[in-house]
Amino acid sequence: MKKMIQKMLITLMIFILLPFSSCDVLMKSLENASSQTVTGSVTTSEIVAGLKEALKVGTSNAVSTLNVKDAFYKSARFKIPFPNDVKIVEDKLRQYGMG
């Protein structure tokens, strides 16, 4: 049971940290963690605290990166394009000055 919980937590951490893989702080932390040997077991509260800290740092980095002029519009990496299915509606709205 304990092994299954550990596997689930590791999988959860991977899926949570994957979007933040470009964050320098997280990458350095992961490199440091992978080079160290574990001498004891990690408690659930330590894992939760680590995940909260990773989310806090990742969110802070994301906000500081995207909180600049044209961060979404001029960056192909972050821009969320208007779906092709509603292109006709977009064109009509632009004709009437709504966009």
N, C-alpha and C. Protein backbone atom coordinates (compact mmCIF):
# COMPACT_ATOMS: atom_id res chain seq x y z
N MET A 1 0.83 -1.20 0.00
CA MET A 1 0.00 0.00 0.00
C MET A 1 0.87 1.26 0.00
N LYS A 2 1.95 1.25 0.80
CA LYS A 2 2.82 2.41 0.90
C LYS A 2 3.54 2.67 -0.42
N LYS A 3 3.96 1.60 -1.10
CA LYS A 3 4.62 1.73 -2.41
C LYS A 3 3.67 2.33 -3.42
N MET A 4 2.40 1.92 -3.38
CA MET A 4 1.42 2.43 -4.31
C MET A 4 1.20 3.93 -4.09
N ILE A 5 1.14 4.36 -2.85
CA ILE A 5 0.97 5.78 -2.53
C ILE A 5 2.18 6.56 -3.00
N GLN A 6 3.38 6.02 -2.80
CA GLN A 6 4.58 6.70 -3.26
C GLN A 6 4.59 6.85 -4.77
N LYS A 7 4.19 5.80 -5.49
CA LYS A 7 4.13 5.86 -6.94
C LYS A 7 3.11 6.90 -7.40
N MET A 8 1.98 6.94 -6.72
CA MET A 8 0.94 7.91 -7.07
C MET A 8 1.43 9.33 -6.82
N LEU A 9 2.12 9.56 -5.71
CA LEU A 9 2.64 10.89 -5.40
C LEU A 9 3.71 11.31 -6.41
N ILE A 10 4.56 10.39 -6.80
CA ILE A 10 5.59 10.71 -7.79
C ILE A 10 4.94 11.05 -9.12
N THR A 11 3.95 10.28 -9.52
CA THR A 11 3.23 10.55 -10.76
C THR A 11 2.54 11.90 -10.69
N LEU A 12 1.91 12.19 -9.57
CA LEU A 12 1.24 13.48 -9.38
C LEU A 12 2.25 14.62 -9.46
N MET A 13 3.39 14.45 -8.85
CA MET A 13 4.42 15.49 -8.88
C MET A 13 4.90 15.73 -10.31
N ILE A 14 5.05 14.66 -11.07
CA ILE A 14 5.49 14.81 -12.46
C ILE A 14 4.47 15.61 -13.26
N PHE A 15 3.19 15.28 -13.11
CA PHE A 15 2.17 16.00 -13.86
C PHE A 15 2.00 17.44 -13.40
N ILE A 16 2.25 17.70 -12.12
CA ILE A 16 2.16 19.07 -11.63
C ILE A 16 3.38 19.87 -12.06
N LEU A 17 4.54 19.27 -12.00
CA LEU A 17 5.77 20.00 -12.31
C LEU A 17 6.07 20.08 -13.80
N LEU A 18 5.49 19.22 -14.60
CA LEU A 18 5.76 19.21 -16.03
C LEU A 18 5.48 20.56 -16.70
N PRO A 19 4.35 21.22 -16.43
CA PRO A 19 4.13 22.52 -17.06
C PRO A 19 5.14 23.58 -16.63
N PHE A 20 5.75 23.39 -15.49
CA PHE A 20 6.70 24.37 -14.98
C PHE A 20 8.14 23.95 -15.27
N SER A 21 8.34 23.04 -16.21
CA SER A 21 9.67 22.50 -16.45
C SER A 21 10.65 23.56 -16.93
N SER A 22 10.15 24.68 -17.43
CA SER A 22 11.06 25.72 -17.89
C SER A 22 11.49 26.64 -16.74
N CYS A 23 10.92 26.48 -15.59
CA CYS A 23 11.28 27.32 -14.45
C CYS A 23 12.66 26.91 -13.93
N ASP A 24 13.57 27.86 -13.91
CA ASP A 24 14.94 27.58 -13.48
C ASP A 24 15.00 27.03 -12.06
N VAL A 25 14.21 27.59 -11.17
CA VAL A 25 14.24 27.17 -9.77
C VAL A 25 13.86 25.71 -9.64
N LEU A 26 12.81 25.30 -10.34
CA LEU A 26 12.37 23.91 -10.24
C LEU A 26 13.38 22.97 -10.86
N MET A 27 13.96 23.36 -11.98
CA MET A 27 14.94 22.50 -12.63
C MET A 27 16.16 22.31 -11.73
N LYS A 28 16.64 23.37 -11.10
CA LYS A 28 17.78 23.25 -10.20
C LYS A 28 17.44 22.36 -9.01
N SER A 29 16.22 22.53 -8.49
CA SER A 29 15.80 21.71 -7.36
C SER A 29 15.74 20.24 -7.74
N LEU A 30 15.21 19.96 -8.93
CA LEU A 30 15.14 18.57 -9.37
C LEU A 30 16.52 17.98 -9.60
N GLU A 31 17.44 18.78 -10.16
CA GLU A 31 18.81 18.30 -10.36
C GLU A 31 19.47 18.00 -9.02
N ASN A 32 19.29 18.91 -8.05
CA ASN A 32 19.87 18.69 -6.73
C ASN A 32 19.26 17.46 -6.06
N ALA A 33 17.95 17.31 -6.20
CA ALA A 33 17.29 16.18 -5.56
C ALA A 33 17.72 14.86 -6.18
N SER A 34 17.92 14.85 -7.50
CA SER A 34 18.30 13.59 -8.14
C SER A 34 19.74 13.20 -7.84
N SER A 35 20.58 14.17 -7.49
CA SER A 35 21.98 13.85 -7.21
C SER A 35 22.21 13.46 -5.75
N GLN A 36 21.22 13.66 -4.90
CA GLN A 36 21.37 13.34 -3.49
C GLN A 36 20.82 11.94 -3.21
N THR A 37 21.39 11.31 -2.22
CA THR A 37 20.91 9.99 -1.82
C THR A 37 19.92 10.17 -0.68
N VAL A 38 18.86 9.42 -0.74
CA VAL A 38 17.84 9.49 0.31
C VAL A 38 18.24 8.55 1.42
N THR A 39 18.33 9.11 2.62
CA THR A 39 18.71 8.27 3.76
C THR A 39 17.51 7.86 4.59
N GLY A 40 16.43 8.59 4.50
CA GLY A 40 15.22 8.25 5.25
C GLY A 40 14.02 8.36 4.34
N SER A 41 12.88 8.06 4.87
CA SER A 41 11.68 8.17 4.03
C SER A 41 11.09 9.58 4.15
N VAL A 42 10.45 10.00 3.10
CA VAL A 42 9.83 11.32 3.06
C VAL A 42 8.41 11.19 3.59
N THR A 43 8.04 12.10 4.46
CA THR A 43 6.69 12.06 5.02
C THR A 43 5.71 12.73 4.06
N THR A 44 4.45 12.42 4.25
CA THR A 44 3.41 13.01 3.42
C THR A 44 3.38 14.52 3.59
N SER A 45 3.57 15.00 4.80
CA SER A 45 3.54 16.45 5.03
C SER A 45 4.71 17.13 4.33
N GLU A 46 5.86 16.47 4.23
CA GLU A 46 7.00 17.05 3.50
C GLU A 46 6.71 17.10 2.01
N ILE A 47 6.06 16.07 1.49
CA ILE A 47 5.70 16.05 0.07
C ILE A 47 4.70 17.16 -0.22
N VAL A 48 3.71 17.30 0.64
CA VAL A 48 2.69 18.34 0.45
C VAL A 48 3.35 19.72 0.51
N ALA A 49 4.24 19.92 1.47
CA ALA A 49 4.92 21.21 1.59
C ALA A 49 5.77 21.49 0.34
N GLY A 50 6.44 20.45 -0.17
CA GLY A 50 7.24 20.62 -1.38
C GLY A 50 6.40 20.96 -2.59
N LEU A 51 5.27 20.29 -2.74
CA LEU A 51 4.37 20.58 -3.85
C LEU A 51 3.80 21.99 -3.77
N LYS A 52 3.43 22.40 -2.56
CA LYS A 52 2.91 23.76 -2.39
C LYS A 52 3.97 24.79 -2.75
N GLU A 53 5.19 24.56 -2.33
CA GLU A 53 6.28 25.49 -2.64
C GLU A 53 6.55 25.51 -4.14
N ALA A 54 6.53 24.35 -4.78
CA ALA A 54 6.76 24.28 -6.23
C ALA A 54 5.66 25.03 -6.98
N LEU A 55 4.42 24.87 -6.56
CA LEU A 55 3.32 25.59 -7.20
C LEU A 55 3.43 27.10 -6.97
N LYS A 56 3.85 27.47 -5.77
CA LYS A 56 4.01 28.90 -5.45
C LYS A 56 5.09 29.52 -6.32
N VAL A 57 6.23 28.86 -6.44
CA VAL A 57 7.34 29.37 -7.24
C VAL A 57 6.96 29.38 -8.72
N GLY A 58 6.36 28.29 -9.20
CA GLY A 58 5.96 28.20 -10.60
C GLY A 58 4.94 29.26 -10.97
N THR A 59 3.97 29.47 -10.11
CA THR A 59 2.95 30.48 -10.36
C THR A 59 3.57 31.87 -10.38
N SER A 60 4.45 32.13 -9.44
CA SER A 60 5.12 33.42 -9.39
C SER A 60 5.94 33.67 -10.65
N ASN A 61 6.67 32.67 -11.09
CA ASN A 61 7.46 32.81 -12.32
C ASN A 61 6.58 32.99 -13.54
N ALA A 62 5.49 32.26 -13.61
CA ALA A 62 4.57 32.38 -14.75
C ALA A 62 3.95 33.77 -14.80
N VAL A 63 3.53 34.27 -13.65
CA VAL A 63 2.92 35.60 -13.60
C VAL A 63 3.93 36.67 -13.99
N SER A 64 5.15 36.57 -13.49
CA SER A 64 6.15 37.60 -13.83
C SER A 64 6.54 37.52 -15.31
N THR A 65 6.50 36.34 -15.91
CA THR A 65 6.82 36.19 -17.33
C THR A 65 5.70 36.73 -18.21
N LEU A 66 4.47 36.44 -17.84
CA LEU A 66 3.33 36.80 -18.69
C LEU A 66 2.71 38.14 -18.36
N ASN A 67 3.13 38.76 -17.28
CA ASN A 67 2.57 40.05 -16.87
C ASN A 67 3.34 41.21 -17.50
N VAL A 68 3.55 41.13 -18.81
CA VAL A 68 4.19 42.21 -19.56
C VAL A 68 3.35 42.46 -20.80
N LYS A 69 3.53 43.60 -21.40
CA LYS A 69 2.74 43.98 -22.58
C LYS A 69 2.97 42.96 -23.71
N ASP A 70 1.88 42.52 -24.30
CA ASP A 70 1.87 41.60 -25.44
C ASP A 70 2.51 40.24 -25.16
N ALA A 71 2.54 39.83 -23.90
CA ALA A 71 3.14 38.53 -23.57
C ALA A 71 2.37 37.38 -24.21
N PHE A 72 1.05 37.52 -24.32
CA PHE A 72 0.24 36.47 -24.94
C PHE A 72 0.15 36.66 -26.45
N TYR A 73 -0.05 37.89 -26.89
CA TYR A 73 -0.35 38.13 -28.30
C TYR A 73 0.86 37.97 -29.22
N LYS A 74 2.03 38.34 -28.77
CA LYS A 74 3.20 38.30 -29.64
C LYS A 74 4.09 37.08 -29.41
N SER A 75 3.68 36.20 -28.53
CA SER A 75 4.46 35.00 -28.27
C SER A 75 3.69 33.78 -28.75
N ALA A 76 4.24 33.10 -29.74
CA ALA A 76 3.58 31.90 -30.27
C ALA A 76 3.50 30.80 -29.21
N ARG A 77 4.39 30.86 -28.26
CA ARG A 77 4.42 29.84 -27.21
C ARG A 77 3.22 29.94 -26.27
N PHE A 78 2.77 31.17 -26.01
CA PHE A 78 1.71 31.37 -25.02
C PHE A 78 0.37 31.78 -25.62
N LYS A 79 0.36 32.22 -26.86
CA LYS A 79 -0.88 32.70 -27.47
C LYS A 79 -1.86 31.55 -27.62
N ILE A 80 -3.10 31.81 -27.27
CA ILE A 80 -4.16 30.84 -27.43
C ILE A 80 -4.99 31.32 -28.63
N PRO A 81 -4.83 30.66 -29.77
CA PRO A 81 -5.52 31.14 -30.97
C PRO A 81 -7.03 30.92 -30.91
N PHE A 82 -7.71 31.77 -31.64
CA PHE A 82 -9.16 31.65 -31.75
C PHE A 82 -9.46 30.39 -32.56
N PRO A 83 -10.37 29.53 -32.14
CA PRO A 83 -10.65 28.28 -32.86
C PRO A 83 -11.11 28.55 -34.29
N ASN A 84 -10.68 27.70 -35.21
CA ASN A 84 -11.06 27.83 -36.62
C ASN A 84 -12.56 27.73 -36.83
N ASP A 85 -13.24 26.96 -35.99
CA ASP A 85 -14.68 26.77 -36.14
C ASP A 85 -15.48 28.06 -35.99
N VAL A 86 -14.94 29.01 -35.28
CA VAL A 86 -15.67 30.26 -35.05
C VAL A 86 -15.01 31.45 -35.76
N LYS A 87 -14.22 31.16 -36.76
CA LYS A 87 -13.53 32.21 -37.52
C LYS A 87 -14.53 33.16 -38.18
N ILE A 88 -15.64 32.64 -38.67
CA ILE A 88 -16.67 33.47 -39.32
C ILE A 88 -17.24 34.46 -38.32
N VAL A 89 -17.52 34.01 -37.12
CA VAL A 89 -18.06 34.89 -36.08
C VAL A 89 -17.03 35.97 -35.74
N GLU A 90 -15.76 35.58 -35.63
CA GLU A 90 -14.71 36.56 -35.34
C GLU A 90 -14.66 37.63 -36.42
N ASP A 91 -14.70 37.22 -37.68
CA ASP A 91 -14.64 38.18 -38.78
C ASP A 91 -15.82 39.16 -38.74
N LYS A 92 -17.01 38.64 -38.48
CA LYS A 92 -18.21 39.50 -38.40
C LYS A 92 -18.10 40.48 -37.24
N LEU A 93 -17.63 40.01 -36.08
CA LEU A 93 -17.49 40.90 -34.93
C LEU A 93 -16.47 41.99 -35.21
N ARG A 94 -15.39 41.65 -35.90
CA ARG A 94 -14.38 42.65 -36.25
C ARG A 94 -14.93 43.67 -37.23
N GLN A 95 -15.84 43.24 -38.14
CA GLN A 95 -16.46 44.17 -39.07
C GLN A 95 -17.26 45.25 -38.34
N TYR A 96 -17.84 44.86 -37.21
CA TYR A 96 -18.65 45.79 -36.43
C TYR A 96 -17.85 46.47 -35.32
N GLY A 97 -16.52 46.37 -35.39
CA GLY A 97 -15.65 47.05 -34.43
C GLY A 97 -15.57 46.40 -33.07
N MET A 98 -15.85 45.14 -32.99
CA MET A 98 -15.81 44.43 -31.71
C MET A 98 -14.63 43.48 -31.66
N GLY A 99 -13.45 43.98 -31.68
CA GLY A 99 -12.34 43.07 -31.57
C GLY A 99 -11.16 43.64 -32.15
